[in-house]
N, C-alpha and C. Protein backbone atom coordinates (compact mmCIF):
# COMPACT_ATOMS: atom_id res chain seq x y z
N SER A 1 16.08 -27.15 30.32
CA SER A 1 15.01 -28.13 30.31
C SER A 1 15.56 -29.48 30.74
N LEU A 2 14.69 -30.30 31.30
CA LEU A 2 15.08 -31.63 31.77
C LEU A 2 15.18 -32.60 30.60
N PRO A 3 16.10 -33.57 30.70
CA PRO A 3 16.19 -34.56 29.62
C PRO A 3 14.94 -35.44 29.60
N SER A 4 14.65 -35.96 28.44
CA SER A 4 13.51 -36.87 28.29
C SER A 4 14.01 -38.31 28.42
N TRP A 5 13.48 -39.04 29.38
CA TRP A 5 13.90 -40.41 29.63
C TRP A 5 12.74 -41.35 29.34
N ASP A 6 13.05 -42.51 28.78
CA ASP A 6 12.01 -43.52 28.68
C ASP A 6 12.21 -44.52 29.82
N ILE A 7 11.21 -45.32 30.08
CA ILE A 7 11.24 -46.22 31.24
C ILE A 7 12.40 -47.20 31.18
N THR A 8 12.75 -47.67 29.99
CA THR A 8 13.84 -48.62 29.87
C THR A 8 15.18 -47.99 30.27
N GLN A 9 15.39 -46.73 29.92
CA GLN A 9 16.61 -46.03 30.33
C GLN A 9 16.67 -45.88 31.85
N ILE A 10 15.55 -45.60 32.45
CA ILE A 10 15.50 -45.46 33.90
C ILE A 10 15.79 -46.79 34.58
N VAL A 11 15.20 -47.87 34.06
CA VAL A 11 15.46 -49.21 34.62
C VAL A 11 16.94 -49.54 34.50
N GLU A 12 17.53 -49.26 33.34
CA GLU A 12 18.96 -49.53 33.14
C GLU A 12 19.81 -48.75 34.15
N LEU A 13 19.51 -47.48 34.35
CA LEU A 13 20.26 -46.68 35.33
C LEU A 13 20.12 -47.24 36.74
N LEU A 14 18.91 -47.65 37.11
CA LEU A 14 18.72 -48.24 38.44
C LEU A 14 19.53 -49.52 38.59
N CYS A 15 19.55 -50.34 37.54
CA CYS A 15 20.33 -51.58 37.58
C CYS A 15 21.82 -51.29 37.73
N GLN A 16 22.29 -50.26 37.06
CA GLN A 16 23.71 -49.91 37.12
C GLN A 16 24.11 -49.34 38.47
N THR A 17 23.16 -48.90 39.27
CA THR A 17 23.47 -48.36 40.60
C THR A 17 23.29 -49.42 41.68
N ASP A 18 23.19 -50.68 41.27
CA ASP A 18 23.03 -51.79 42.20
C ASP A 18 21.76 -51.71 43.02
N ALA A 19 20.70 -51.17 42.43
CA ALA A 19 19.39 -51.17 43.11
C ALA A 19 18.95 -52.61 43.33
N ASP A 20 18.21 -52.87 44.38
CA ASP A 20 17.70 -54.21 44.66
C ASP A 20 16.54 -54.49 43.71
N LEU A 21 16.81 -55.24 42.65
CA LEU A 21 15.81 -55.52 41.62
C LEU A 21 14.67 -56.38 42.12
N ASN A 22 14.90 -57.10 43.20
CA ASN A 22 13.92 -58.06 43.68
C ASN A 22 13.10 -57.56 44.86
N LEU A 23 13.32 -56.32 45.24
CA LEU A 23 12.59 -55.73 46.35
C LEU A 23 11.16 -55.40 45.93
N ALA A 24 10.22 -55.69 46.78
CA ALA A 24 8.82 -55.33 46.53
C ALA A 24 8.31 -54.51 47.70
N ASN A 25 7.33 -53.66 47.43
CA ASN A 25 6.72 -52.90 48.52
C ASN A 25 6.10 -53.85 49.53
N LYS A 26 5.99 -53.40 50.76
CA LYS A 26 5.31 -54.19 51.78
C LYS A 26 3.81 -54.17 51.49
N PRO A 27 3.11 -55.29 51.74
CA PRO A 27 1.65 -55.27 51.57
C PRO A 27 1.04 -54.13 52.37
N GLY A 28 0.05 -53.46 51.78
CA GLY A 28 -0.60 -52.33 52.43
C GLY A 28 -0.06 -51.00 51.96
N SER A 29 1.03 -51.03 51.17
CA SER A 29 1.60 -49.78 50.66
C SER A 29 1.51 -49.72 49.14
N GLY A 30 0.46 -50.27 48.60
CA GLY A 30 0.31 -50.34 47.14
C GLY A 30 0.57 -51.76 46.68
N TRP A 31 0.89 -51.90 45.42
CA TRP A 31 1.18 -53.23 44.89
C TRP A 31 2.46 -53.75 45.52
N ALA A 32 2.43 -54.93 46.06
CA ALA A 32 3.62 -55.56 46.63
C ALA A 32 4.15 -56.56 45.60
N TRP A 33 4.73 -55.98 44.54
CA TRP A 33 5.22 -56.78 43.42
C TRP A 33 6.68 -56.45 43.15
N PRO A 34 7.50 -57.47 42.83
CA PRO A 34 8.88 -57.21 42.41
C PRO A 34 8.90 -56.46 41.06
N SER A 35 10.01 -55.81 40.78
CA SER A 35 10.11 -54.98 39.57
C SER A 35 9.88 -55.75 38.28
N LEU A 36 10.30 -57.00 38.20
CA LEU A 36 10.12 -57.79 36.98
C LEU A 36 8.63 -57.96 36.68
N ILE A 37 7.85 -58.27 37.69
CA ILE A 37 6.41 -58.46 37.48
C ILE A 37 5.74 -57.12 37.15
N CYS A 38 6.21 -56.04 37.76
CA CYS A 38 5.67 -54.71 37.43
C CYS A 38 5.94 -54.36 35.98
N ALA A 39 7.14 -54.65 35.50
CA ALA A 39 7.48 -54.35 34.10
C ALA A 39 6.58 -55.14 33.15
N ILE A 40 6.31 -56.39 33.50
CA ILE A 40 5.43 -57.20 32.66
C ILE A 40 4.00 -56.66 32.72
N ALA A 41 3.51 -56.40 33.91
CA ALA A 41 2.14 -55.92 34.06
C ALA A 41 1.91 -54.59 33.35
N ASN A 42 2.96 -53.79 33.24
CA ASN A 42 2.85 -52.50 32.57
C ASN A 42 3.28 -52.55 31.11
N ARG A 43 3.44 -53.75 30.60
CA ARG A 43 3.74 -53.99 29.18
C ARG A 43 5.00 -53.27 28.70
N HIS A 44 6.11 -53.57 29.39
CA HIS A 44 7.41 -53.00 29.02
C HIS A 44 8.41 -54.13 28.79
N PRO A 45 8.29 -54.86 27.65
CA PRO A 45 9.21 -55.99 27.42
C PRO A 45 10.67 -55.58 27.36
N GLU A 46 10.96 -54.35 26.92
CA GLU A 46 12.35 -53.90 26.89
C GLU A 46 12.90 -53.81 28.32
N SER A 47 12.07 -53.36 29.24
CA SER A 47 12.49 -53.30 30.65
C SER A 47 12.63 -54.70 31.24
N VAL A 48 11.77 -55.62 30.82
CA VAL A 48 11.88 -57.02 31.26
C VAL A 48 13.25 -57.56 30.87
N LEU A 49 13.66 -57.30 29.63
CA LEU A 49 14.96 -57.76 29.15
C LEU A 49 16.10 -57.17 29.97
N VAL A 50 16.05 -55.88 30.25
CA VAL A 50 17.08 -55.22 31.06
C VAL A 50 17.14 -55.86 32.45
N LEU A 51 15.99 -56.04 33.07
CA LEU A 51 15.95 -56.62 34.42
C LEU A 51 16.51 -58.04 34.43
N LEU A 52 16.16 -58.84 33.44
CA LEU A 52 16.69 -60.21 33.36
C LEU A 52 18.20 -60.21 33.15
N ARG A 53 18.68 -59.33 32.31
CA ARG A 53 20.13 -59.24 32.07
C ARG A 53 20.88 -58.88 33.34
N HIS A 54 20.23 -58.15 34.22
CA HIS A 54 20.87 -57.74 35.48
C HIS A 54 20.54 -58.67 36.64
N GLY A 55 19.91 -59.79 36.35
CA GLY A 55 19.72 -60.82 37.38
C GLY A 55 18.43 -60.78 38.17
N ALA A 56 17.38 -60.17 37.65
CA ALA A 56 16.10 -60.18 38.37
C ALA A 56 15.64 -61.63 38.56
N ASP A 57 15.10 -61.91 39.71
CA ASP A 57 14.67 -63.26 40.08
C ASP A 57 13.31 -63.57 39.45
N ARG A 58 13.29 -64.54 38.53
CA ARG A 58 12.05 -64.93 37.84
C ARG A 58 11.08 -65.68 38.74
N SER A 59 11.58 -66.21 39.84
CA SER A 59 10.74 -67.07 40.69
C SER A 59 9.95 -66.30 41.75
N LEU A 60 10.24 -65.00 41.94
CA LEU A 60 9.51 -64.24 42.96
C LEU A 60 8.03 -64.14 42.62
N LYS A 61 7.23 -63.98 43.65
CA LYS A 61 5.77 -63.92 43.47
C LYS A 61 5.20 -62.62 44.01
N THR A 62 4.02 -62.28 43.52
CA THR A 62 3.33 -61.10 44.03
C THR A 62 2.85 -61.37 45.45
N LEU A 63 2.84 -60.33 46.26
CA LEU A 63 2.34 -60.44 47.63
C LEU A 63 0.92 -59.90 47.76
N THR A 64 0.47 -59.22 46.72
CA THR A 64 -0.88 -58.68 46.70
C THR A 64 -1.51 -59.03 45.35
N ALA A 65 -2.83 -58.89 45.26
CA ALA A 65 -3.56 -59.23 44.05
C ALA A 65 -3.95 -57.96 43.28
N SER A 66 -4.26 -58.16 42.01
CA SER A 66 -4.84 -57.09 41.20
C SER A 66 -6.11 -57.67 40.58
N ALA A 67 -6.78 -56.88 39.76
CA ALA A 67 -8.00 -57.37 39.11
C ALA A 67 -7.71 -58.57 38.21
N ASP A 68 -6.52 -58.59 37.61
CA ASP A 68 -6.18 -59.65 36.66
C ASP A 68 -5.25 -60.72 37.20
N LEU A 69 -4.66 -60.49 38.35
CA LEU A 69 -3.60 -61.38 38.84
C LEU A 69 -3.76 -61.62 40.33
N PRO A 70 -3.90 -62.89 40.73
CA PRO A 70 -4.04 -63.18 42.16
C PRO A 70 -2.71 -63.04 42.91
N SER A 71 -2.80 -62.88 44.19
CA SER A 71 -1.61 -62.89 45.04
C SER A 71 -0.90 -64.23 44.86
N GLY A 72 0.41 -64.21 44.89
CA GLY A 72 1.18 -65.44 44.71
C GLY A 72 1.50 -65.76 43.26
N SER A 73 1.28 -64.80 42.37
CA SER A 73 1.55 -65.01 40.95
C SER A 73 3.02 -64.77 40.64
N THR A 74 3.53 -65.51 39.66
CA THR A 74 4.91 -65.34 39.21
C THR A 74 4.96 -64.42 37.99
N ALA A 75 6.16 -64.11 37.55
CA ALA A 75 6.34 -63.29 36.35
C ALA A 75 5.71 -63.98 35.14
N LEU A 76 5.88 -65.30 35.04
CA LEU A 76 5.28 -66.03 33.92
C LEU A 76 3.76 -65.99 33.98
N ASP A 77 3.20 -66.07 35.19
CA ASP A 77 1.74 -65.92 35.35
C ASP A 77 1.29 -64.56 34.83
N ALA A 78 2.04 -63.52 35.15
CA ALA A 78 1.68 -62.16 34.73
C ALA A 78 1.75 -62.03 33.22
N ALA A 79 2.79 -62.58 32.61
CA ALA A 79 2.94 -62.50 31.15
C ALA A 79 1.83 -63.28 30.45
N SER A 80 1.48 -64.41 31.00
CA SER A 80 0.40 -65.23 30.42
C SER A 80 -0.95 -64.54 30.57
N ALA A 81 -1.22 -64.02 31.76
CA ALA A 81 -2.51 -63.37 32.02
C ALA A 81 -2.72 -62.14 31.14
N SER A 82 -1.63 -61.45 30.82
CA SER A 82 -1.74 -60.24 30.01
C SER A 82 -1.43 -60.50 28.54
N GLN A 83 -1.29 -61.76 28.18
CA GLN A 83 -1.08 -62.19 26.79
C GLN A 83 0.08 -61.45 26.14
N GLN A 84 1.26 -61.63 26.73
CA GLN A 84 2.47 -60.98 26.22
C GLN A 84 3.50 -62.04 25.80
N PRO A 85 3.43 -62.49 24.56
CA PRO A 85 4.34 -63.55 24.11
C PRO A 85 5.82 -63.16 24.17
N ASP A 86 6.16 -61.87 23.93
CA ASP A 86 7.57 -61.46 24.01
C ASP A 86 8.12 -61.65 25.42
N SER A 87 7.35 -61.21 26.41
CA SER A 87 7.81 -61.36 27.80
C SER A 87 7.83 -62.83 28.20
N MET A 88 6.86 -63.60 27.73
CA MET A 88 6.85 -65.03 28.04
C MET A 88 8.09 -65.71 27.47
N ALA A 89 8.46 -65.37 26.22
CA ALA A 89 9.65 -65.95 25.61
C ALA A 89 10.91 -65.57 26.38
N LEU A 90 11.01 -64.32 26.79
CA LEU A 90 12.17 -63.89 27.57
C LEU A 90 12.28 -64.67 28.87
N LEU A 91 11.16 -64.88 29.53
CA LEU A 91 11.17 -65.61 30.80
C LEU A 91 11.51 -67.08 30.61
N LEU A 92 11.00 -67.67 29.54
CA LEU A 92 11.21 -69.10 29.31
C LEU A 92 12.57 -69.40 28.68
N LEU A 93 13.00 -68.55 27.77
CA LEU A 93 14.23 -68.82 27.02
C LEU A 93 15.43 -68.04 27.53
N GLY A 94 15.20 -67.08 28.36
CA GLY A 94 16.28 -66.26 28.86
C GLY A 94 16.48 -65.04 28.00
N THR A 95 17.56 -64.32 28.23
CA THR A 95 17.78 -63.05 27.55
C THR A 95 18.16 -63.21 26.09
N ALA A 96 18.41 -64.43 25.64
CA ALA A 96 18.78 -64.65 24.24
C ALA A 96 17.58 -65.05 23.39
N ALA A 97 16.39 -64.73 23.85
CA ALA A 97 15.18 -65.10 23.10
C ALA A 97 15.20 -64.47 21.72
N PRO A 98 14.85 -65.26 20.68
CA PRO A 98 14.85 -64.69 19.32
C PRO A 98 13.74 -63.66 19.15
N ARG A 99 14.00 -62.66 18.33
CA ARG A 99 13.00 -61.63 18.02
C ARG A 99 12.22 -62.08 16.80
N PRO A 100 10.90 -61.95 16.81
CA PRO A 100 10.13 -62.30 15.63
C PRO A 100 10.49 -61.37 14.47
N SER A 101 10.48 -61.91 13.26
CA SER A 101 10.82 -61.07 12.10
C SER A 101 9.60 -60.53 11.41
């Protein structure tokens, strides 16, 4: 049987293989969003932390729009639009953001 992987483990493995974390699909081939914004939009704060630790660029913007996010949005825009305080803290404070108790 195949091993069971969660998304954060997959992101970590991709980071360890020197995958281009800042690459986005070309417009017209689906969402043209960098991996950091995708992790936020899909509500994976653990993956956001992994991507930031490996140097994902916080300043990149979306090249296409979604129902909730216009083209040209940043990772912080995505976290704010989807009301994700954990991801917002990670983006603003860096990878050493305190965890709520």
